[in-house]
Structures are given as structure tokens and as C-alpha cells.
PDB file of N, CA and C in Angstrom:
ATOM      1  N   MET A   1     165.125   4.203 231.124  1.00  0.00           N
ATOM      2  CA  MET A   1     164.248   2.838 230.592  1.00  0.00           C
ATOM      3  C   MET A   1     163.156   3.768 231.439  1.00  0.00           C
ATOM      4  N   ILE A   2     162.196   3.819 230.588  1.00  0.00           N
ATOM      5  CA  ILE A   2     160.567   3.270 231.620  1.00  0.00           C
ATOM      6  C   ILE A   2     160.011   1.854 231.707  1.00  0.00           C
ATOM      7  N   ASN A   3     159.500   1.124 233.348  1.00  0.00           N
ATOM      8  CA  ASN A   3     158.786   0.050 233.187  1.00  0.00           C
ATOM      9  C   ASN A   3     157.727   0.276 233.126  1.00  0.00           C
ATOM     10  N   SER A   4     156.695  -0.506 233.262  1.00  0.00           N
ATOM     11  CA  SER A   4     155.668  -0.711 233.501  1.00  0.00           C
ATOM     12  C   SER A   4     155.455  -0.728 234.952  1.00  0.00           C
ATOM     13  N   VAL A   5     154.070   0.328 234.991  1.00  0.00           N
ATOM     14  CA  VAL A   5     153.181   0.009 236.594  1.00  0.00           C
ATOM     15  C   VAL A   5     152.288  -1.089 237.409  1.00  0.00           C
ATOM     16  N   TYR A   6     152.251  -1.504 237.942  1.00  0.00           N
ATOM     17  CA  TYR A   6     151.081  -2.711 238.298  1.00  0.00           C
ATOM     18  C   TYR A   6     150.389  -2.352 239.137  1.00  0.00           C
ATOM     19  N   LEU A   7     148.928  -2.832 239.152  1.00  0.00           N
ATOM     20  CA  LEU A   7     148.032  -2.432 240.037  1.00  0.00           C
ATOM     21  C   LEU A   7     147.720  -3.623 241.064  1.00  0.00           C
ATOM     22  N   ALA A   8     148.544  -3.444 241.917  1.00  0.00           N
ATOM     23  CA  ALA A   8     147.645  -5.167 242.118  1.00  0.00           C
ATOM     24  C   ALA A   8     147.088  -4.609 244.048  1.00  0.00           C
ATOM     25  N   GLN A   9     146.333  -6.381 243.952  1.00  0.00           N
ATOM     26  CA  GLN A   9     145.117  -6.251 245.517  1.00  0.00           C
ATOM     27  C   GLN A   9     146.228  -7.471 245.996  1.00  0.00           C
ATOM     28  N   VAL A  10     145.754  -7.226 247.482  1.00  0.00           N
ATOM     29  CA  VAL A  10     146.749  -8.193 248.467  1.00  0.00           C
ATOM     30  C   VAL A  10     145.598  -9.431 248.476  1.00  0.00           C
ATOM     31  N   LYS A  11     146.057 -10.653 248.272  1.00  0.00           N
ATOM     32  CA  LYS A  11     144.872 -11.479 248.662  1.00  0.00           C
ATOM     33  C   LYS A  11     145.256 -12.064 249.790  1.00  0.00           C
ATOM     34  N   THR A  12     143.543 -12.704 250.139  1.00  0.00           N
ATOM     35  CA  THR A  12     143.107 -13.295 251.183  1.00  0.00           C
ATOM     36  C   THR A  12     144.141 -14.307 251.460  1.00  0.00           C
ATOM     37  N   PRO A  13     144.084 -14.925 252.645  1.00  0.00           N
ATOM     38  CA  PRO A  13     144.846 -15.527 252.898  1.00  0.00           C
ATOM     39  C   PRO A  13     144.391 -17.202 252.536  1.00  0.00           C
ATOM     40  N   ALA A  14     142.780 -17.354 251.626  1.00  0.00           N
ATOM     41  CA  ALA A  14     142.134 -18.101 250.535  1.00  0.00           C
ATOM     42  C   ALA A  14     142.293 -18.027 249.898  1.00  0.00           C
ATOM     43  N   GLU A  15     143.129 -17.032 249.425  1.00  0.00           N
ATOM     44  CA  GLU A  15     143.798 -16.668 247.559  1.00  0.00           C
ATOM     45  C   GLU A  15     145.200 -17.219 247.983  1.00  0.00           C
ATOM     46  N   SER A  16     145.732 -17.179 248.745  1.00  0.00           N
ATOM     47  CA  SER A  16     147.155 -17.134 248.625  1.00  0.00           C
ATOM     48  C   SER A  16     147.393 -18.895 248.402  1.00  0.00           C
ATOM     49  N   LYS A  17     148.311 -18.831 247.825  1.00  0.00           N
ATOM     50  CA  LYS A  17     148.420 -20.600 247.016  1.00  0.00           C
ATOM     51  C   LYS A  17     149.791 -21.244 247.931  1.00  0.00           C
ATOM     52  N   GLY A  18     150.419 -20.528 248.320  1.00  0.00           N
ATOM     53  CA  GLY A  18     152.357 -21.265 248.832  1.00  0.00           C
ATOM     54  C   GLY A  18     152.366 -19.371 249.158  1.00  0.00           C
ATOM     55  N   LYS A  19     153.884 -19.786 249.089  1.00  0.00           N
ATOM     56  CA  LYS A  19     154.354 -18.986 249.454  1.00  0.00           C
ATOM     57  C   LYS A  19     155.116 -17.851 248.958  1.00  0.00           C
ATOM     58  N   TRP A  20     155.556 -16.573 248.936  1.00  0.00           N
ATOM     59  CA  TRP A  20     155.102 -15.061 248.456  1.00  0.00           C
ATOM     60  C   TRP A  20     154.240 -15.009 247.602  1.00  0.00           C
ATOM     61  N   ASP A  21     153.141 -16.012 247.662  1.00  0.00           N
ATOM     62  CA  ASP A  21     151.798 -15.559 247.005  1.00  0.00           C
ATOM     63  C   ASP A  21     150.790 -14.785 246.907  1.00  0.00           C
ATOM     64  N   TYR A  22     151.142 -13.365 247.524  1.00  0.00           N
ATOM     65  CA  TYR A  22     150.733 -12.015 248.435  1.00  0.00           C
ATOM     66  C   TYR A  22     149.750 -11.291 247.067  1.00  0.00           C
ATOM     67  N   TYR A  23     149.973 -11.062 246.593  1.00  0.00           N
ATOM     68  CA  TYR A  23     149.140  -9.844 245.488  1.00  0.00           C
ATOM     69  C   TYR A  23     148.407 -10.731 244.193  1.00  0.00           C
ATOM     70  N   LYS A  24     147.481 -10.064 243.729  1.00  0.00           N
ATOM     71  CA  LYS A  24     147.304  -9.889 242.572  1.00  0.00           C
ATOM     72  C   LYS A  24     146.921  -9.182 242.027  1.00  0.00           C
ATOM     73  N   ILE A  25     147.001  -9.081 240.470  1.00  0.00           N
ATOM     74  CA  ILE A  25     147.448  -8.047 239.682  1.00  0.00           C
ATOM     75  C   ILE A  25     145.958  -7.747 239.045  1.00  0.00           C
ATOM     76  N   LEU A  26     145.303  -6.351 239.024  1.00  0.00           N
ATOM     77  CA  LEU A  26     144.396  -5.722 238.675  1.00  0.00           C
ATOM     78  C   LEU A  26     144.615  -5.875 237.515  1.00  0.00           C
ATOM     79  N   LYS A  27     145.375  -4.737 237.327  1.00  0.00           N
ATOM     80  CA  LYS A  27     145.510  -4.454 235.783  1.00  0.00           C
ATOM     81  C   LYS A  27     147.230  -3.501 235.800  1.00  0.00           C
ATOM     82  N   THR A  28     147.384  -3.418 234.666  1.00  0.00           N
ATOM     83  CA  THR A  28     149.395  -3.574 233.578  1.00  0.00           C
ATOM     84  C   THR A  28     149.335  -2.227 233.135  1.00  0.00           C
ATOM     85  N   MET A  29     150.040  -1.068 233.363  1.00  0.00           N
ATOM     86  CA  MET A  29     149.851   0.325 232.981  1.00  0.00           C
ATOM     87  C   MET A  29     151.584   0.815 232.229  1.00  0.00           C
ATOM     88  N   PRO A  30     151.027   0.926 230.673  1.00  0.00           N
ATOM     89  CA  PRO A  30     152.462   1.102 229.862  1.00  0.00           C
ATOM     90  C   PRO A  30     153.050   2.033 230.873  1.00  0.00           C
ATOM     91  N   GLY A  31     154.298   1.720 230.987  1.00  0.00           N
ATOM     92  CA  GLY A  31     154.858   3.499 231.686  1.00  0.00           C
ATOM     93  C   GLY A  31     155.289   4.826 230.901  1.00  0.00           C
ATOM     94  N   GLU A  32     154.894   4.531 229.930  1.00  0.00           N
ATOM     95  CA  GLU A  32     155.054   5.771 229.256  1.00  0.00           C
ATOM     96  C   GLU A  32     153.252   6.892 229.039  1.00  0.00           C
ATOM     97  N   GLN A  33     152.268   5.884 229.131  1.00  0.00           N
ATOM     98  CA  GLN A  33     151.086   6.895 229.784  1.00  0.00           C
ATOM     99  C   GLN A  33     151.076   7.185 231.314  1.00  0.00           C
ATOM    100  N   VAL A  34     152.116   6.413 232.820  1.00  0.00           N
ATOM    101  CA  VAL A  34     151.866   7.032 233.660  1.00  0.00           C
ATOM    102  C   VAL A  34     153.087   7.828 234.232  1.00  0.00           C
ATOM    103  N   TYR A  35     154.333   8.119 233.283  1.00  0.00           N
ATOM    104  CA  TYR A  35     155.028   8.498 233.718  1.00  0.00           C
ATOM    105  C   TYR A  35     155.392   9.707 232.807  1.00  0.00           C
ATOM    106  N   THR A  36     155.153  11.038 233.173  1.00  0.00           N
ATOM    107  CA  THR A  36     155.126  12.615 232.998  1.00  0.00           C
ATOM    108  C   THR A  36     157.196  12.849 232.212  1.00  0.00           C
ATOM    109  N   THR A  37     156.777  13.146 231.197  1.00  0.00           N
ATOM    110  CA  THR A  37     158.458  13.861 230.541  1.00  0.00           C
ATOM    111  C   THR A  37     159.299  15.244 231.047  1.00  0.00           C
ATOM    112  N   PRO A  38     159.931  16.161 230.874  1.00  0.00           N
ATOM    113  CA  PRO A  38     160.543  16.606 231.765  1.00  0.00           C
ATOM    114  C   PRO A  38     159.584  17.858 230.797  1.00  0.00           C
ATOM    115  N   GLU A  39     159.860  17.640 229.966  1.00  0.00           N
ATOM    116  CA  GLU A  39     158.629  19.052 229.010  1.00  0.00           C
ATOM    117  C   GLU A  39     157.208  19.907 230.080  1.00  0.00           C
ATOM    118  N   GLU A  40     156.551  18.506 230.613  1.00  0.00           N
ATOM    119  CA  GLU A  40     155.052  18.759 231.084  1.00  0.00           C
ATOM    120  C   GLU A  40     155.775  18.286 232.522  1.00  0.00           C
ATOM    121  N   SER A  41     156.867  18.431 233.200  1.00  0.00           N
ATOM    122  CA  SER A  41     156.462  18.573 234.695  1.00  0.00           C
ATOM    123  C   SER A  41     156.583  20.068 234.982  1.00  0.00           C
ATOM    124  N   THR A  42     156.611  20.074 236.124  1.00  0.00           N
ATOM    125  CA  THR A  42     155.926  21.063 237.180  1.00  0.00           C
ATOM    126  C   THR A  42     157.087  21.172 238.005  1.00  0.00           C
ATOM    127  N   CYS A  43     157.897  20.124 238.122  1.00  0.00           N
ATOM    128  CA  CYS A  43     158.545  20.185 238.951  1.00  0.00           C
ATOM    129  C   CYS A  43     160.212  20.872 238.438  1.00  0.00           C
ATOM    130  N   PRO A  44     160.878  22.238 239.481  1.00  0.00           N
ATOM    131  CA  PRO A  44     161.450  22.998 239.162  1.00  0.00           C
ATOM    132  C   PRO A  44     163.122  22.163 239.295  1.00  0.00           C
ATOM    133  N   ILE A  45     162.863  21.241 239.731  1.00  0.00           N
ATOM    134  CA  ILE A  45     164.454  20.968 240.124  1.00  0.00           C
ATOM    135  C   ILE A  45     165.108  19.568 239.374  1.00  0.00           C
ATOM    136  N   TRP A  46     163.514  19.237 238.422  1.00  0.00           N
ATOM    137  CA  TRP A  46     163.857  18.386 237.189  1.00  0.00           C
ATOM    138  C   TRP A  46     164.295  18.746 236.233  1.00  0.00           C
ATOM    139  N   LYS A  47     163.716  20.490 235.879  1.00  0.00           N
ATOM    140  CA  LYS A  47     163.928  21.073 234.813  1.00  0.00           C
ATOM    141  C   LYS A  47     165.089  21.632 234.810  1.00  0.00           C
ATOM    142  N   GLN A  48     166.633  21.432 235.230  1.00  0.00           N
ATOM    143  CA  GLN A  48     167.686  22.394 235.898  1.00  0.00           C
ATOM    144  C   GLN A  48     168.096  21.610 235.070  1.00  0.00           C
TER     145      GLN A  48
END
């Protein structure tokens, strides 16, 4: 399962509109572009 990755910035108190409103999403990156495959990896443990 590959999930998207989010780049977020912490909101200032003035930007926050309520409880749990802490982050502003700046960019969403598809998981296919972010994560490496076992073939591309240089990690010896992942290649086992």
C-alpha cells in the first residue's frame, strides 16, 4: 500500500479556526513519486 505524503506548515494562532486546526497543507505528493522500490534501494536489509 502506497500513501500520499503531505508537506504541511504549522498555522499561527491567528490562522487556526478551532480545535485540532494546527496545520496548513502546502503540497500533496503522490506516494509513487516519493517512495523508492526495492530495486532502486541501496538498503541491504530491504534487499533480503
